[in-house]
Structures are given as C-alpha cells and as structure tokens.
Amino acid sequence: MRKYYKYAVFVILVGCVALLSYCNINTQLKTKSLKTAYNALNSEMAKYKNKYGQEVAKVKVIETARRKDFLQMESQDATIKKLQKLVKQTKPETAIIIETVTQIDTFTIIDSNGYFDYTDEWIELLGQTMKDSLTFNLIVKNEFNLIEKKGYLEITNLNPYTSTESIRIYKDTPRKKRIVVGAGLGAGIGYDVLTNKPTVNGGLYIGIFYKLFEF
C-alpha cells in the first residue's frame, strides 16, 4: 500500500510541476505578445520612393490574440482611435485605415464660356469659372499595392498625385492552442517505482499533451 502511496505522490508532483510550467510559459507568451503589440502601436510610418519613383509607405502590424487587448490600448494617435472604433464595430480579422492627401498642380485651357477640363489616368477635372465664382467636379482614382512581410505592411501608392499621410493596420491572430489530446505509438526504457526494477515499455498512448511546435 505504501508503494502505491509513493506512486500517487510522484504523479501529483509531476502534474503540479507540469501545470506550473504551463502557466509560466503561457504568461510569458502573453506578456511578450502584448509588448510587441504596444511597440507596433507606437511605431511611426516610414516613406520612401521605389525604383519606379512610386511612393511606398511602411508601418508595423499591430497583432493581438484577443480584440479586447487592442481595444483597451491607450493612444493619442487619431488614426489608432479610428482603427479601434472600426475593430469594435465590425470585429474583422484584419482592419486597415489609409489616410491620403491629393495635390494637383496643373494648368488647363479655359474656353470663352469659362469651361475647363483636365483628364488623365488618375484624375478627372471638369469646371466652369464665372464672374464671382468657380464650380468644378473632381474625381481622384487611387490604387494601392499592399504587401505584408515580417510584421510590416507596405503600401505602394500608384497615383502620382496622392501621398499617403497615415496607415494603421490591426490583425486578430488567435493564440494557438497548446494543450491537445493526442495518440501515438512509442517505446522506452524506464524505472518502476513500485518494484524498484528497470522496465521496457511500449504500446499505444492516448492522453493530454502540451504542444511545443508543429510541422
């Protein structure tokens, strides 16, 4: 009976150690994930020209395992606040806000009646000048290429008249489940604490496992 008591105590101790290890690892992963999200939240957008002369804007992706973690983050950035409102209302897996400004410096011919127009691939401008007023209709066509890589989002602005002023992106990335139920075949050499003798074990195992990584 005493041997079974020792065995039960051993199993309980192993279980407690495994549980404490899991809780510690889980806490560390959550802390690291939130720290990374806050760093992305406070990062600044970078802009440069690619080899084709197009404007490219680059910003870190804000990722959290739970939407409420992102919604509880405090920021003075107006675009971040808009993004949080969008995420709260629509609950998307990915949300992006792009803010641009369009500047057109062009001249066109005004006819005798005051009408003018200018049209190319990206803008359509129609208008009329009168004695004390100016009326016009302007249509701007924006087009972007979006590429996500290594925790960043890159946006290439194809419209030469438009410049990207701000970008913010949020991704809901649910935490991978680490505790799984699985089965497998195995064999091994061990030590029987009841008989105090070495043993060779083998067979089909079914149980609860902590998943370290996956292929």
Protein backbone atom coordinates (compact mmCIF):
# COMPACT_ATOMS: atom_id res chain seq x y z
CA MET A 1 0.00 0.00 0.00
CA ARG A 2 2.87 2.30 0.86
CA LYS A 3 4.34 1.80 -2.61
CA TYR A 4 1.09 2.93 -4.24
CA TYR A 5 1.06 5.98 -1.97
CA LYS A 6 4.57 6.92 -3.12
CA TYR A 7 3.48 6.42 -6.72
CA ALA A 8 0.44 8.67 -6.27
CA VAL A 9 2.55 11.39 -4.65
CA PHE A 10 5.05 11.17 -7.51
CA VAL A 11 2.30 11.53 -10.13
CA ILE A 12 0.78 14.51 -8.29
CA LEU A 13 4.15 16.23 -8.04
CA VAL A 14 4.84 15.72 -11.73
CA GLY A 15 1.37 17.07 -12.56
CA CYS A 16 1.89 20.15 -10.40
CA VAL A 17 5.27 20.86 -11.96
CA ALA A 18 3.79 20.48 -15.47
CA LEU A 19 0.87 22.79 -14.60
CA LEU A 20 3.14 25.45 -13.10
CA SER A 21 5.44 25.25 -16.12
CA TYR A 22 2.49 25.67 -18.48
CA CYS A 23 1.15 28.68 -16.56
CA ASN A 24 4.59 30.29 -16.53
CA ILE A 25 5.15 29.73 -20.26
CA ASN A 26 1.63 30.97 -21.07
CA THR A 27 2.14 34.14 -19.01
CA GLN A 28 5.48 34.84 -20.69
CA LEU A 29 3.97 34.37 -24.15
CA LYS A 30 1.09 36.76 -23.35
CA THR A 31 3.47 39.37 -21.95
CA LYS A 32 5.75 39.14 -24.99
CA SER A 33 2.77 39.37 -27.38
CA LEU A 34 1.37 42.49 -25.67
CA LYS A 35 4.79 44.14 -25.59
CA THR A 36 5.19 43.54 -29.33
CA ALA A 37 1.69 44.95 -29.96
CA TYR A 38 2.44 48.11 -27.94
CA ASN A 39 5.70 48.62 -29.84
CA ALA A 40 3.77 48.39 -33.13
CA LEU A 41 1.09 50.74 -31.77
CA ASN A 42 3.69 53.41 -31.00
CA SER A 43 5.75 52.90 -34.16
CA GLU A 44 5.92 55.55 -36.88
CA MET A 45 5.21 55.18 -40.56
CA ALA A 46 8.20 55.35 -42.91
CA LYS A 47 8.05 56.50 -46.54
CA TYR A 48 10.43 56.14 -49.45
CA LYS A 49 10.47 56.01 -53.25
CA ASN A 50 10.94 52.69 -55.02
CA LYS A 51 12.92 52.22 -58.23
CA TYR A 52 9.86 53.23 -60.28
CA GLY A 53 9.53 56.55 -58.46
CA GLN A 54 6.39 55.39 -56.64
CA GLU A 55 5.78 56.28 -53.02
CA VAL A 56 5.98 53.35 -50.61
CA ALA A 57 4.72 53.66 -47.03
CA LYS A 58 5.69 51.10 -44.39
CA VAL A 59 4.28 50.53 -40.90
CA LYS A 60 4.33 47.78 -38.27
CA VAL A 61 1.32 45.46 -37.99
CA ILE A 62 -0.50 45.55 -34.64
CA GLU A 63 -1.32 41.96 -33.67
CA THR A 64 -3.10 40.62 -30.59
CA ALA A 65 -4.64 37.26 -29.71
CA ARG A 66 -7.75 39.00 -28.33
CA ARG A 67 -9.51 42.02 -29.82
CA LYS A 68 -10.24 43.43 -26.37
CA ASP A 69 -6.50 43.75 -25.71
CA PHE A 70 -6.20 46.07 -28.70
CA LEU A 71 -9.37 47.98 -27.81
CA GLN A 72 -8.04 48.64 -24.28
CA MET A 73 -4.77 50.12 -25.52
CA GLU A 74 -4.48 53.86 -24.95
CA SER A 75 -3.14 56.10 -27.68
CA GLN A 76 -3.25 59.78 -28.62
CA ASP A 77 -2.96 58.88 -32.30
CA ALA A 78 -6.23 59.88 -34.02
CA THR A 79 -5.82 57.16 -36.65
CA ILE A 80 -5.37 54.50 -33.95
CA LYS A 81 -8.61 55.67 -32.32
CA LYS A 82 -10.40 55.37 -35.66
CA LEU A 83 -8.96 51.88 -36.10
CA GLN A 84 -10.13 50.83 -32.64
CA LYS A 85 -13.61 52.12 -33.41
CA LEU A 86 -13.64 50.19 -36.69
CA VAL A 87 -12.50 46.97 -34.97
CA LYS A 88 -15.07 47.37 -32.21
CA GLN A 89 -17.93 47.90 -34.66
CA THR A 90 -17.11 45.30 -37.31
CA LYS A 91 -14.92 42.73 -35.45
CA PRO A 92 -12.80 41.92 -38.55
CA GLU A 93 -9.82 39.58 -38.67
CA THR A 94 -7.84 42.37 -40.35
CA ALA A 95 -8.58 46.10 -40.37
CA ILE A 96 -6.66 48.79 -42.27
CA ILE A 97 -7.06 52.56 -42.32
CA ILE A 98 -5.26 54.54 -45.03
CA GLU A 99 -5.32 58.33 -44.98
CA THR A 100 -4.11 60.19 -48.05
CA VAL A 101 -3.86 63.70 -49.42
CA THR A 102 -4.09 64.57 -53.12
CA GLN A 103 -2.30 67.58 -54.57
CA ILE A 104 -2.76 68.60 -58.21
CA ASP A 105 -0.64 71.29 -59.80
CA THR A 106 -1.83 71.58 -63.36
CA PHE A 107 -2.96 74.16 -65.91
CA THR A 108 -5.68 73.72 -68.45
CA ILE A 109 -7.27 75.88 -71.13
CA ILE A 110 -10.40 77.84 -70.20
CA ASP A 111 -12.69 78.45 -73.18
CA SER A 112 -14.67 81.60 -73.91
CA ASN A 113 -17.62 80.37 -71.82
CA GLY A 114 -15.42 79.74 -68.79
CA TYR A 115 -15.45 75.94 -69.11
CA PHE A 116 -12.34 73.88 -68.49
CA ASP A 117 -11.45 70.22 -68.14
CA TYR A 118 -8.41 68.06 -67.47
CA THR A 119 -8.41 64.26 -67.59
CA ASP A 120 -5.74 61.61 -67.34
CA GLU A 121 -5.38 58.11 -65.87
CA TRP A 122 -5.79 59.31 -62.28
CA ILE A 123 -7.95 62.44 -62.22
CA GLU A 124 -10.99 63.88 -63.95
CA LEU A 125 -11.48 67.62 -63.52
CA LEU A 126 -14.46 69.47 -65.01
CA GLY A 127 -15.45 73.00 -64.09
CA GLN A 128 -16.56 76.49 -65.00
CA THR A 129 -15.45 79.93 -63.96
CA MET A 130 -17.96 82.72 -63.64
CA LYS A 131 -17.69 86.34 -62.65
CA ASP A 132 -17.61 85.82 -58.90
CA SER A 133 -17.48 82.04 -58.52
CA LEU A 134 -15.81 78.82 -59.51
CA THR A 135 -17.59 75.48 -59.77
CA PHE A 136 -15.91 72.18 -60.53
CA ASN A 137 -16.18 68.43 -60.20
CA LEU A 138 -13.04 66.47 -59.32
CA ILE A 139 -12.70 62.67 -59.34
CA VAL A 140 -9.49 61.12 -58.00
CA LYS A 141 -8.70 57.45 -58.69
CA ASN A 142 -6.40 55.91 -56.11
CA GLU A 143 -4.81 52.49 -56.43
CA PHE A 144 -2.54 50.71 -53.96
CA ASN A 145 -0.43 47.58 -53.82
CA LEU A 146 -0.40 46.04 -50.33
CA ILE A 147 2.27 43.59 -49.20
CA GLU A 148 2.66 42.20 -45.69
CA LYS A 149 6.01 40.74 -44.64
CA LYS A 150 7.97 40.24 -41.43
CA GLY A 151 5.48 42.06 -39.22
CA TYR A 152 5.20 45.07 -41.54
CA LEU A 153 2.64 46.29 -44.06
CA GLU A 154 3.97 48.03 -47.17
CA ILE A 155 1.64 50.13 -49.31
CA THR A 156 2.75 51.29 -52.72
CA ASN A 157 0.77 54.30 -53.91
CA LEU A 158 0.32 54.11 -57.68
CA ASN A 159 -1.34 57.52 -58.04
CA PRO A 160 1.41 60.12 -58.51
CA TYR A 161 -0.89 62.92 -57.30
CA THR A 162 -1.67 61.22 -53.99
CA SER A 163 0.57 60.90 -50.94
CA THR A 164 -0.06 58.55 -48.01
CA GLU A 165 -0.32 60.52 -44.78
CA SER A 166 -1.07 57.72 -42.33
CA ILE A 167 -1.51 53.94 -42.26
CA ARG A 168 -2.59 51.72 -39.41
CA ILE A 169 -3.27 48.00 -39.57
CA TYR A 170 -4.62 45.60 -36.93
CA LYS A 171 -4.70 41.80 -37.16
CA ASP A 172 -6.62 39.45 -34.93
CA THR A 173 -4.32 36.44 -34.53
CA PRO A 174 -5.96 33.92 -32.17
CA ARG A 175 -3.48 32.23 -29.86
CA LYS A 176 -2.60 28.72 -30.97
CA LYS A 177 -3.93 26.00 -28.70
CA ARG A 178 -1.07 24.31 -26.88
CA ILE A 179 -3.00 21.78 -24.80
CA VAL A 180 -4.13 18.99 -27.12
CA VAL A 181 -5.49 15.46 -26.91
CA GLY A 182 -3.42 13.07 -28.96
CA ALA A 183 -2.40 9.48 -29.54
CA GLY A 184 0.79 7.81 -30.59
CA LEU A 185 2.94 4.71 -30.61
CA GLY A 186 6.05 4.56 -28.52
CA ALA A 187 8.54 2.50 -26.61
CA GLY A 188 11.10 3.25 -23.98
CA ILE A 189 13.19 2.13 -21.03
CA GLY A 190 12.12 3.30 -17.61
CA TYR A 191 12.14 2.54 -13.91
CA ASP A 192 9.23 1.06 -11.99
CA VAL A 193 8.97 2.81 -8.61
CA LEU A 194 6.72 0.02 -7.31
CA THR A 195 9.05 -2.91 -8.00
CA ASN A 196 12.28 -0.92 -7.94
CA LYS A 197 13.29 -2.55 -11.25
CA PRO A 198 14.07 -1.22 -14.73
CA THR A 199 11.33 -1.79 -17.28
CA VAL A 200 10.83 -1.72 -21.03
CA ASN A 201 7.52 -0.19 -22.04
CA GLY A 202 5.70 0.10 -25.34
CA GLY A 203 2.26 0.48 -26.83
CA LEU A 204 -0.40 2.90 -27.92
CA TYR A 205 -0.72 6.04 -25.83
CA ILE A 206 -3.69 8.38 -25.61
CA GLY A 207 -3.50 11.45 -23.44
CA ILE A 208 -3.34 15.21 -22.99
CA PHE A 209 -0.18 16.87 -24.27
CA TYR A 210 1.41 20.32 -24.36
CA LYS A 211 2.32 21.15 -27.98
CA LEU A 212 5.74 22.79 -28.26
CA PHE A 213 5.75 23.24 -32.06
CA GLU A 214 4.12 21.87 -35.18
CA PHE A 215 5.25 20.84 -38.67
